[in-house]
C-alpha atoms as a PDB file:
ATOM      1  CA  MET A   1     402.038-167.231 231.588  1.00  0.00           C
ATOM      2  CA  LEU A   2     402.709-163.577 231.315  1.00  0.00           C
ATOM      3  CA  LYS A   3     402.539-163.207 227.934  1.00  0.00           C
ATOM      4  CA  LYS A   4     398.678-164.870 227.850  1.00  0.00           C
ATOM      5  CA  ILE A   5     397.984-162.441 230.641  1.00  0.00           C
ATOM      6  CA  VAL A   6     398.864-159.350 228.767  1.00  0.00           C
ATOM      7  CA  ILE A   7     397.470-160.435 225.572  1.00  0.00           C
ATOM      8  CA  GLY A   8     393.849-161.420 227.403  1.00  0.00           C
ATOM      9  CA  ALA A   9     394.125-158.293 228.527  1.00  0.00           C
ATOM     10  CA  VAL A  10     394.536-156.464 225.638  1.00  0.00           C
ATOM     11  CA  MET A  11     391.470-158.478 224.116  1.00  0.00           C
ATOM     12  CA  PHE A  12     389.334-157.561 226.998  1.00  0.00           C
ATOM     13  CA  VAL A  13     389.999-153.643 226.281  1.00  0.00           C
ATOM     14  CA  PHE A  14     389.574-154.431 222.578  1.00  0.00           C
ATOM     15  CA  VAL A  15     385.872-156.034 223.089  1.00  0.00           C
ATOM     16  CA  ILE A  16     385.369-152.881 225.205  1.00  0.00           C
ATOM     17  CA  LEU A  17     385.915-150.273 222.857  1.00  0.00           C
ATOM     18  CA  ALA A  18     384.351-151.829 220.263  1.00  0.00           C
ATOM     19  CA  ALA A  19     381.492-152.117 222.599  1.00  0.00           C
ATOM     20  CA  GLY A  20     381.346-148.140 222.555  1.00  0.00           C
ATOM     21  CA  ILE A  21     382.286-147.743 219.361  1.00  0.00           C
ATOM     22  CA  VAL A  22     379.047-149.781 218.269  1.00  0.00           C
ATOM     23  CA  ALA A  23     376.784-148.221 221.023  1.00  0.00           C
ATOM     24  CA  GLN A  24     377.795-144.985 219.558  1.00  0.00           C
ATOM     25  CA  THR A  25     377.726-145.930 216.302  1.00  0.00           C
ATOM     26  CA  SER A  26     373.776-147.024 216.950  1.00  0.00           C
ATOM     27  CA  VAL A  27     373.223-143.643 218.615  1.00  0.00           C
ATOM     28  CA  THR A  28     374.742-142.138 215.192  1.00  0.00           C
ATOM     29  CA  SER A  29     372.464-143.904 213.158  1.00  0.00           C
ATOM     30  CA  ALA A  30     369.071-143.266 215.546  1.00  0.00           C
ATOM     31  CA  ASN A  31     369.545-139.726 215.059  1.00  0.00           C
ATOM     32  CA  LEU A  32     370.564-139.824 211.034  1.00  0.00           C
ATOM     33  CA  LEU A  33     367.177-141.770 210.748  1.00  0.00           C
ATOM     34  CA  ALA A  34     365.080-139.077 212.593  1.00  0.00           C
ATOM     35  CA  THR A  35     366.920-136.196 210.548  1.00  0.00           C
ATOM     36  CA  ARG A  36     367.659-137.896 207.100  1.00  0.00           C
ATOM     37  CA  THR A  37     365.357-136.714 203.862  1.00  0.00           C
ATOM     38  CA  PRO A  38     362.815-140.137 204.076  1.00  0.00           C
ATOM     39  CA  VAL A  39     363.207-141.990 200.464  1.00  0.00           C
ATOM     40  CA  VAL A  40     359.905-141.766 198.042  1.00  0.00           C
ATOM     41  CA  GLY A  41     357.006-143.964 199.783  1.00  0.00           C
ATOM     42  CA  GLU A  42     358.715-144.687 202.663  1.00  0.00           C
ATOM     43  CA  SER A  43     357.027-143.708 206.065  1.00  0.00           C
ATOM     44  CA  ILE A  44     358.737-142.873 209.261  1.00  0.00           C
ATOM     45  CA  PRO A  45     357.339-143.353 212.425  1.00  0.00           C
ATOM     46  CA  THR A  46     355.640-140.106 214.490  1.00  0.00           C
ATOM     47  CA  ARG A  47     355.544-139.981 218.088  1.00  0.00           C
ATOM     48  CA  THR A  48     352.571-140.787 219.845  1.00  0.00           C
ATOM     49  CA  PRO A  49     351.597-138.096 222.420  1.00  0.00           C
ATOM     50  CA  VAL A  50     350.974-139.902 226.020  1.00  0.00           C
ATOM     51  CA  VAL A  51     347.737-140.362 227.113  1.00  0.00           C
ATOM     52  CA  GLY A  52     346.744-137.093 228.948  1.00  0.00           C
ATOM     53  CA  GLN A  53     349.502-135.109 228.013  1.00  0.00           C
ATOM     54  CA  THR A  54     348.953-131.469 226.645  1.00  0.00           C
ATOM     55  CA  VAL A  55     350.941-129.193 225.110  1.00  0.00           C
ATOM     56  CA  PRO A  56     351.419-126.109 226.615  1.00  0.00           C
ATOM     57  CA  THR A  57     349.540-123.091 224.143  1.00  0.00           C
ATOM     58  CA  ARG A  58     350.946-118.917 223.746  1.00  0.00           C
ATOM     59  CA  THR A  59     348.178-116.988 225.318  1.00  0.00           C
ATOM     60  CA  PRO A  60     348.578-113.758 223.208  1.00  0.00           C
ATOM     61  CA  VAL A  61     349.387-110.436 224.981  1.00  0.00           C
ATOM     62  CA  PRO A  62     346.452-108.314 225.523  1.00  0.00           C
ATOM     63  CA  TYR A  63     347.379-105.043 223.291  1.00  0.00           C
ATOM     64  CA  ALA A  64     347.035-101.055 224.805  1.00  0.00           C
ATOM     65  CA  PRO A  65     344.248 -98.630 223.366  1.00  0.00           C
ATOM     66  CA  GLN A  66     345.180 -96.431 220.623  1.00  0.00           C
ATOM     67  CA  ILE A  67     343.478 -93.619 219.183  1.00  0.00           C
ATOM     68  CA  GLN A  68     344.023 -91.317 215.920  1.00  0.00           C
ATOM     69  CA  ILE A  69     343.357 -87.687 215.849  1.00  0.00           C
ATOM     70  CA  SER A  70     342.659 -85.548 213.267  1.00  0.00           C
ATOM     71  CA  ASN A  71     342.497 -81.590 214.062  1.00  0.00           C
ATOM     72  CA  PHE A  72     339.897 -79.884 211.401  1.00  0.00           C
ATOM     73  CA  ILE A  73     338.961 -77.396 214.253  1.00  0.00           C
ATOM     74  CA  ASP A  74     338.683 -73.723 212.415  1.00  0.00           C
ATOM     75  CA  PHE A  75     339.894 -71.297 215.443  1.00  0.00           C
ATOM     76  CA  ALA A  76     342.429 -68.664 213.874  1.00  0.00           C
ATOM     77  CA  PRO A  77     343.490 -67.623 210.484  1.00  0.00           C
ATOM     78  CA  GLY A  78     346.586 -68.992 208.828  1.00  0.00           C
ATOM     79  CA  ILE A  79     348.017 -72.388 210.209  1.00  0.00           C
ATOM     80  CA  THR A  80     347.626 -72.925 213.147  1.00  0.00           C
ATOM     81  CA  GLN A  81     348.096 -75.753 215.749  1.00  0.00           C
ATOM     82  CA  ILE A  82     346.343 -77.791 218.585  1.00  0.00           C
ATOM     83  CA  ILE A  83     348.007 -79.440 221.412  1.00  0.00           C
ATOM     84  CA  ILE A  84     346.315 -82.623 222.664  1.00  0.00           C
ATOM     85  CA  LYS A  85     347.236 -83.465 226.258  1.00  0.00           C
ATOM     86  CA  LEU A  86     345.280 -86.437 228.679  1.00  0.00           C
ATOM     87  CA  ASN A  87     345.382 -85.105 232.224  1.00  0.00           C
ATOM     88  CA  GLY A  88     347.326 -82.346 231.328  1.00  0.00           C
ATOM     89  CA  GLU A  89     350.501 -84.366 229.707  1.00  0.00           C
ATOM     90  CA  GLU A  90     350.948 -83.621 225.871  1.00  0.00           C
ATOM     91  CA  LEU A  91     349.948 -86.489 223.656  1.00  0.00           C
ATOM     92  CA  VAL A  92     350.694 -84.898 220.328  1.00  0.00           C
ATOM     93  CA  ILE A  93     350.548 -81.405 218.535  1.00  0.00           C
ATOM     94  CA  LEU A  94     348.791 -81.090 215.188  1.00  0.00           C
ATOM     95  CA  LYS A  95     348.702 -78.301 212.684  1.00  0.00           C
ATOM     96  CA  TYR A  96     344.438 -77.524 211.051  1.00  0.00           C
ATOM     97  CA  GLY A  97     344.332 -80.473 208.537  1.00  0.00           C
ATOM     98  CA  ASP A  98     346.264 -83.162 209.977  1.00  0.00           C
ATOM     99  CA  THR A  99     345.578 -86.647 211.440  1.00  0.00           C
ATOM    100  CA  SER A 100     348.190 -88.516 213.439  1.00  0.00           C
ATOM    101  CA  GLU A 101     349.147 -91.909 213.017  1.00  0.00           C
ATOM    102  CA  TYR A 102     347.263 -94.420 215.665  1.00  0.00           C
ATOM    103  CA  ILE A 103     349.132 -93.516 219.261  1.00  0.00           C
ATOM    104  CA  SER A 104     349.180 -95.856 222.286  1.00  0.00           C
ATOM    105  CA  VAL A 105     347.185 -94.915 225.296  1.00  0.00           C
ATOM    106  CA  PRO A 106     346.265 -95.995 229.012  1.00  0.00           C
ATOM    107  CA  VAL A 107     343.640 -97.685 229.147  1.00  0.00           C
ATOM    108  CA  GLY A 108     341.193 -96.025 231.855  1.00  0.00           C
ATOM    109  CA  THR A 109     339.158 -92.374 232.032  1.00  0.00           C
ATOM    110  CA  TYR A 110     340.822 -89.036 231.275  1.00  0.00           C
ATOM    111  CA  LEU A 111     340.321 -85.476 230.752  1.00  0.00           C
ATOM    112  CA  MET A 112     341.538 -84.629 227.356  1.00  0.00           C
ATOM    113  CA  GLU A 113     341.865 -81.034 226.468  1.00  0.00           C
ATOM    114  CA  ILE A 114     342.573 -79.491 223.348  1.00  0.00           C
ATOM    115  CA  VAL A 115     344.773 -76.218 223.540  1.00  0.00           C
ATOM    116  CA  GLY A 116     345.260 -73.851 220.651  1.00  0.00           C
ATOM    117  CA  VAL A 117     348.504 -71.931 219.645  1.00  0.00           C
ATOM    118  CA  THR A 118     349.532 -69.416 217.125  1.00  0.00           C
ATOM    119  CA  GLU A 119     352.857 -71.579 215.185  1.00  0.00           C
ATOM    120  CA  GLY A 120     356.002 -71.769 216.802  1.00  0.00           C
ATOM    121  CA  THR A 121     354.005 -70.130 219.938  1.00  0.00           C
ATOM    122  CA  ARG A 122     354.201 -71.669 223.450  1.00  0.00           C
ATOM    123  CA  GLY A 123     353.016 -70.305 226.820  1.00  0.00           C
ATOM    124  CA  PRO A 124     351.001 -67.650 227.902  1.00  0.00           C
ATOM    125  CA  GLU A 125     349.591 -67.682 224.549  1.00  0.00           C
ATOM    126  CA  ASP A 126     348.009 -70.823 225.121  1.00  0.00           C
ATOM    127  CA  TYR A 127     344.323 -71.220 225.358  1.00  0.00           C
ATOM    128  CA  LEU A 128     341.935 -73.973 226.098  1.00  0.00           C
ATOM    129  CA  LEU A 129     339.360 -74.728 222.863  1.00  0.00           C
ATOM    130  CA  ALA A 130     337.749 -77.825 223.628  1.00  0.00           C
ATOM    131  CA  TYR A 131     337.958 -80.545 226.522  1.00  0.00           C
ATOM    132  CA  SER A 132     336.120 -83.924 227.176  1.00  0.00           C
ATOM    133  CA  THR A 133     336.143 -87.002 229.591  1.00  0.00           C
ATOM    134  CA  VAL A 134     337.078 -89.590 227.258  1.00  0.00           C
ATOM    135  CA  THR A 135     337.623 -93.652 228.419  1.00  0.00           C
ATOM    136  CA  PHE A 136     339.808 -95.934 226.725  1.00  0.00           C
ATOM    137  CA  ALA A 137     339.082-100.066 226.701  1.00  0.00           C
ATOM    138  CA  LEU A 138     341.993-102.463 226.324  1.00  0.00           C
ATOM    139  CA  GLU A 139     342.437-103.349 222.802  1.00  0.00           C
ATOM    140  CA  ALA A 140     340.115-100.998 221.238  1.00  0.00           C
ATOM    141  CA  GLU A 141     340.919 -98.454 218.104  1.00  0.00           C
ATOM    142  CA  TYR A 142     339.281 -94.921 218.284  1.00  0.00           C
ATOM    143  CA  SER A 143     339.179 -92.156 216.116  1.00  0.00           C
ATOM    144  CA  ALA A 144     339.008 -88.410 217.621  1.00  0.00           C
ATOM    145  CA  VAL A 145     338.170 -85.484 215.406  1.00  0.00           C
ATOM    146  CA  ILE A 146     338.666 -82.168 216.670  1.00  0.00           C
ATOM    147  CA  GLY A 147     336.454 -79.312 215.441  1.00  0.00           C
ATOM    148  CA  GLY A 148     334.022 -76.075 215.400  1.00  0.00           C
ATOM    149  CA  ASP A 149     335.222 -72.593 215.384  1.00  0.00           C
ATOM    150  CA  ALA A 150     335.656 -71.708 218.682  1.00  0.00           C
ATOM    151  CA  GLY A 151     332.176 -70.595 219.033  1.00  0.00           C
ATOM    152  CA  ALA A 152     332.011 -68.143 215.958  1.00  0.00           C
ATOM    153  CA  ASN A 153     328.708 -70.764 214.831  1.00  0.00           C
ATOM    154  CA  GLN A 154     329.965 -73.690 216.797  1.00  0.00           C
ATOM    155  CA  PRO A 155     331.925 -74.437 220.190  1.00  0.00           C
ATOM    156  CA  GLY A 156     335.204 -76.293 219.853  1.00  0.00           C
ATOM    157  CA  GLN A 157     334.466 -80.164 220.527  1.00  0.00           C
ATOM    158  CA  ILE A 158     335.875 -83.335 220.621  1.00  0.00           C
ATOM    159  CA  LYS A 159     334.245 -86.831 218.914  1.00  0.00           C
ATOM    160  CA  ILE A 160     335.220 -90.022 219.685  1.00  0.00           C
ATOM    161  CA  VAL A 161     333.939 -92.997 218.028  1.00  0.00           C
ATOM    162  CA  GLU A 162     335.358 -96.242 218.445  1.00  0.00           C
ATOM    163  CA  ASP A 163     336.758 -97.746 214.725  1.00  0.00           C
ATOM    164  CA  ASP A 164     335.686-101.119 213.205  1.00  0.00           C
ATOM    165  CA  ASN A 165     339.239-101.849 211.411  1.00  0.00           C
ATOM    166  CA  SER A 166     337.729-105.416 210.367  1.00  0.00           C
ATOM    167  CA  GLU A 167     338.926-105.683 206.424  1.00  0.00           C
ATOM    168  CA  PRO A 168     336.002-104.987 204.007  1.00  0.00           C
ATOM    169  CA  PRO A 169     334.760-108.148 201.716  1.00  0.00           C
ATOM    170  CA  ALA A 170     336.525-108.698 198.710  1.00  0.00           C
ATOM    171  CA  GLY A 171     335.973-106.449 196.144  1.00  0.00           C
ATOM    172  CA  LYS A 172     334.886-103.695 198.875  1.00  0.00           C
ATOM    173  CA  ALA A 173     335.567-100.840 200.819  1.00  0.00           C
ATOM    174  CA  LYS A 174     334.562 -98.887 203.611  1.00  0.00           C
ATOM    175  CA  ILE A 175     333.756 -95.292 203.641  1.00  0.00           C
ATOM    176  CA  ARG A 176     332.316 -92.671 206.443  1.00  0.00           C
ATOM    177  CA  VAL A 177     331.547 -89.068 207.080  1.00  0.00           C
ATOM    178  CA  ALA A 178     332.640 -86.709 209.439  1.00  0.00           C
ATOM    179  CA  HIS A 179     330.702 -83.409 209.435  1.00  0.00           C
ATOM    180  CA  PHE A 180     332.853 -81.102 211.215  1.00  0.00           C
ATOM    181  CA  ALA A 181     332.347 -77.773 208.892  1.00  0.00           C
ATOM    182  CA  PRO A 182     330.743 -74.792 211.339  1.00  0.00           C
ATOM    183  CA  PHE A 183     329.134 -73.201 208.686  1.00  0.00           C
ATOM    184  CA  ASP A 184     325.884 -72.030 210.203  1.00  0.00           C
ATOM    185  CA  SER A 185     325.009 -71.283 214.192  1.00  0.00           C
ATOM    186  CA  VAL A 186     321.784 -73.177 214.039  1.00  0.00           C
ATOM    187  CA  LEU A 187     322.679 -76.751 214.253  1.00  0.00           C
ATOM    188  CA  ALA A 188     319.423 -78.120 212.612  1.00  0.00           C
ATOM    189  CA  ASN A 189     321.133 -75.985 209.341  1.00  0.00           C
ATOM    190  CA  THR A 190     324.148 -77.960 209.693  1.00  0.00           C
ATOM    191  CA  GLU A 191     322.460 -81.302 208.334  1.00  0.00           C
ATOM    192  CA  VAL A 192     324.189 -82.274 205.010  1.00  0.00           C
ATOM    193  CA  ASN A 193     323.142 -85.088 203.015  1.00  0.00           C
ATOM    194  CA  VAL A 194     326.201 -87.105 200.597  1.00  0.00           C
ATOM    195  CA  ILE A 195     324.764 -87.601 197.293  1.00  0.00           C
ATOM    196  CA  ASP A 196     326.410 -89.939 194.856  1.00  0.00           C
ATOM    197  CA  GLU A 197     325.466 -87.378 191.360  1.00  0.00           C
ATOM    198  CA  GLY A 198     326.272 -90.829 189.086  1.00  0.00           C
ATOM    199  CA  THR A 199     322.788 -91.583 190.329  1.00  0.00           C
ATOM    200  CA  ASN A 200     321.730 -88.487 192.056  1.00  0.00           C
ATOM    201  CA  ALA A 201     320.605 -90.588 195.222  1.00  0.00           C
ATOM    202  CA  VAL A 202     321.182 -90.336 198.870  1.00  0.00           C
ATOM    203  CA  PHE A 203     324.187 -92.685 200.323  1.00  0.00           C
ATOM    204  CA  ALA A 204     322.181 -95.337 202.394  1.00  0.00           C
ATOM    205  CA  GLY A 205     322.645 -93.986 206.154  1.00  0.00           C
ATOM    206  CA  LEU A 206     324.640 -90.592 204.907  1.00  0.00           C
ATOM    207  CA  ALA A 207     321.514 -88.361 204.632  1.00  0.00           C
ATOM    208  CA  ASP A 208     320.530 -85.154 207.543  1.00  0.00           C
ATOM    209  CA  ILE A 209     324.039 -85.578 209.315  1.00  0.00           C
ATOM    210  CA  PRO A 210     324.720 -82.655 211.645  1.00  0.00           C
ATOM    211  CA  PHE A 211     327.742 -80.806 212.730  1.00  0.00           C
ATOM    212  CA  GLY A 212     329.892 -82.890 214.865  1.00  0.00           C
ATOM    213  CA  THR A 213     328.576 -86.422 214.158  1.00  0.00           C
ATOM    214  CA  ILE A 214     331.000 -89.538 212.344  1.00  0.00           C
ATOM    215  CA  SER A 215     328.295 -91.520 210.819  1.00  0.00           C
ATOM    216  CA  ASP A 216     328.632 -95.877 210.593  1.00  0.00           C
ATOM    217  CA  TYR A 217     331.058 -97.396 208.163  1.00  0.00           C
ATOM    218  CA  ILE A 218     328.954 -97.867 204.317  1.00  0.00           C
ATOM    219  CA  GLU A 219     330.609-100.669 201.947  1.00  0.00           C
ATOM    220  CA  VAL A 220     331.277 -99.445 198.337  1.00  0.00           C
ATOM    221  CA  ASP A 221     332.856-100.922 195.159  1.00  0.00           C
ATOM    222  CA  ALA A 222     336.094-100.636 195.107  1.00  0.00           C
ATOM    223  CA  GLY A 223     337.477 -98.995 192.101  1.00  0.00           C
ATOM    224  CA  THR A 224     334.388 -97.500 191.139  1.00  0.00           C
ATOM    225  CA  ALA A 225     334.521 -93.598 190.693  1.00  0.00           C
ATOM    226  CA  TYR A 226     331.758 -92.151 193.063  1.00  0.00           C
ATOM    227  CA  ASP A 227     331.165 -88.749 192.096  1.00  0.00           C
ATOM    228  CA  LEU A 228     330.629 -87.240 195.338  1.00  0.00           C
ATOM    229  CA  MET A 229     328.319 -83.961 196.208  1.00  0.00           C
ATOM    230  CA  VAL A 230     327.525 -82.764 199.833  1.00  0.00           C
ATOM    231  CA  THR A 231     324.276 -80.522 200.230  1.00  0.00           C
ATOM    232  CA  ASN A 232     322.131 -79.216 202.802  1.00  0.00           C
ATOM    233  CA  GLY A 233     318.846 -77.055 202.594  1.00  0.00           C
ATOM    234  CA  ALA A 234     320.653 -73.923 201.286  1.00  0.00           C
ATOM    235  CA  GLY A 235     322.128 -75.968 198.297  1.00  0.00           C
ATOM    236  CA  THR A 236     325.175 -77.392 197.498  1.00  0.00           C
ATOM    237  CA  VAL A 237     327.865 -77.233 200.309  1.00  0.00           C
ATOM    238  CA  LEU A 238     331.014 -79.149 198.504  1.00  0.00           C
ATOM    239  CA  ASP A 239     331.288 -80.927 194.808  1.00  0.00           C
ATOM    240  CA  LEU A 240     334.082 -83.093 194.796  1.00  0.00           C
ATOM    241  CA  GLU A 241     335.804 -84.440 192.046  1.00  0.00           C
ATOM    242  CA  PRO A 242     335.087 -88.156 191.152  1.00  0.00           C
ATOM    243  CA  VAL A 243     337.358 -90.799 193.627  1.00  0.00           C
ATOM    244  CA  ALA A 244     337.763 -94.122 193.447  1.00  0.00           C
ATOM    245  CA  PHE A 245     338.906 -96.387 196.746  1.00  0.00           C
ATOM    246  CA  SER A 246     341.123 -99.405 196.666  1.00  0.00           C
ATOM    247  CA  GLU A 247     339.993-102.770 197.852  1.00  0.00           C
ATOM    248  CA  GLY A 248     340.420-103.140 201.572  1.00  0.00           C
ATOM    249  CA  GLU A 249     340.553 -99.324 202.059  1.00  0.00           C
ATOM    250  CA  ILE A 250     338.945 -97.854 205.191  1.00  0.00           C
ATOM    251  CA  VAL A 251     338.069 -93.999 204.055  1.00  0.00           C
ATOM    252  CA  THR A 252     336.889 -91.395 207.090  1.00  0.00           C
ATOM    253  CA  ILE A 253     335.881 -88.097 204.692  1.00  0.00           C
ATOM    254  CA  VAL A 254     336.109 -85.368 206.899  1.00  0.00           C
ATOM    255  CA  VAL A 255     334.275 -82.327 205.555  1.00  0.00           C
ATOM    256  CA  ASN A 256     335.071 -79.277 207.446  1.00  0.00           C
ATOM    257  CA  GLY A 257     336.084 -75.398 207.030  1.00  0.00           C
ATOM    258  CA  GLY A 258     333.458 -72.864 206.758  1.00  0.00           C
ATOM    259  CA  GLY A 259     334.111 -70.805 209.810  1.00  0.00           C
ATOM    260  CA  ALA A 260     335.189 -67.883 210.207  1.00  0.00           C
ATOM    261  CA  ASN A 261     338.689 -68.476 208.894  1.00  0.00           C
ATOM    262  CA  GLN A 262     338.777 -71.983 207.008  1.00  0.00           C
ATOM    263  CA  PRO A 263     337.270 -72.620 203.348  1.00  0.00           C
ATOM    264  CA  VAL A 264     334.879 -75.451 203.233  1.00  0.00           C
ATOM    265  CA  ASP A 265     337.142 -78.597 202.273  1.00  0.00           C
ATOM    266  CA  ALA A 266     337.042 -82.422 202.460  1.00  0.00           C
ATOM    267  CA  GLY A 267     339.851 -84.453 204.441  1.00  0.00           C
ATOM    268  CA  VAL A 268     340.096 -88.306 203.615  1.00  0.00           C
ATOM    269  CA  VAL A 269     342.072 -89.905 206.480  1.00  0.00           C
ATOM    270  CA  SER A 270     342.416 -94.035 205.148  1.00  0.00           C
ATOM    271  CA  ASN A 271     344.427 -96.669 206.051  1.00  0.00           C
ATOM    272  CA  LEU A 272     345.736 -96.743 202.827  1.00  0.00           C
ATOM    273  CA  ARG A 273     347.010 -93.253 202.159  1.00  0.00           C
ATOM    274  CA  LYS A 274     345.959 -89.293 203.613  1.00  0.00           C
ATOM    275  CA  LEU A 275     345.166 -86.680 201.496  1.00  0.00           C
ATOM    276  CA  PHE A 276     342.900 -84.068 200.861  1.00  0.00           C
ATOM    277  CA  LEU A 277     340.343 -84.214 197.969  1.00  0.00           C
ATOM    278  CA  PRO A 278     340.191 -81.583 195.327  1.00  0.00           C
ATOM    279  CA  VAL A 279     336.696 -79.364 195.631  1.00  0.00           C
ATOM    280  CA  VAL A 280     334.675 -77.343 193.724  1.00  0.00           C
ATOM    281  CA  PHE A 281     333.377 -74.261 195.588  1.00  0.00           C
ATOM    282  CA  GLU A 282     329.907 -73.370 195.319  1.00  0.00           C
END
């Protein structure tokens, strides 16, 4: 009798273990079925969403405003620097002809001050060249050009515009002109035209640009060499070597100098490169 009870107990335990193994095998097979590579022609059933169920989406985090600053203020001979301040806090230091990368700035309205310093000199030698109230909006990108010659012809000034950094159409580049060459004390006499010498025609939107102006963008063919010339009523201001722009390039050509200390020149600020254009002075 005792032998039968023992055998029965052993068989009962074996049945329980076997059931556990089957259950475990069933779960493992299901997992393998869900993850294995389907056989060609085989379809794997997909999970149907529950009626009324919504899948949460990620909300993009708004980005802070950004500003790119170019220093073309002709206020002293030789290499000079300016300090750009927001509400008295130093933002960046730039030499003449330099352009910063885009810098994140806080949203709101601030006092922007341009302080001139001789290279390597700080403190009592600093002096205010220009100032302006500026406003920065969320998710906006700006360009600021600092120009003038501190009063000899044109006072120092800050010109800020909101940038359009959207990609140009296929096969195109976008260019604009910033005129910051203070070569005359009468504003009307500073007006210039940008001419394509290949066609001897003024670019649309680049006519009669006065000092302190940043034009709108115009689209040009990428890969085509443009022979640009800047003129005014008195003749040629700048004759630039031919230059070709790359597809997708967004360019600001800054006409600068011509005050008491810096020669007339042209600088290029680009999303793809940063350089000075070679010029022929007339």
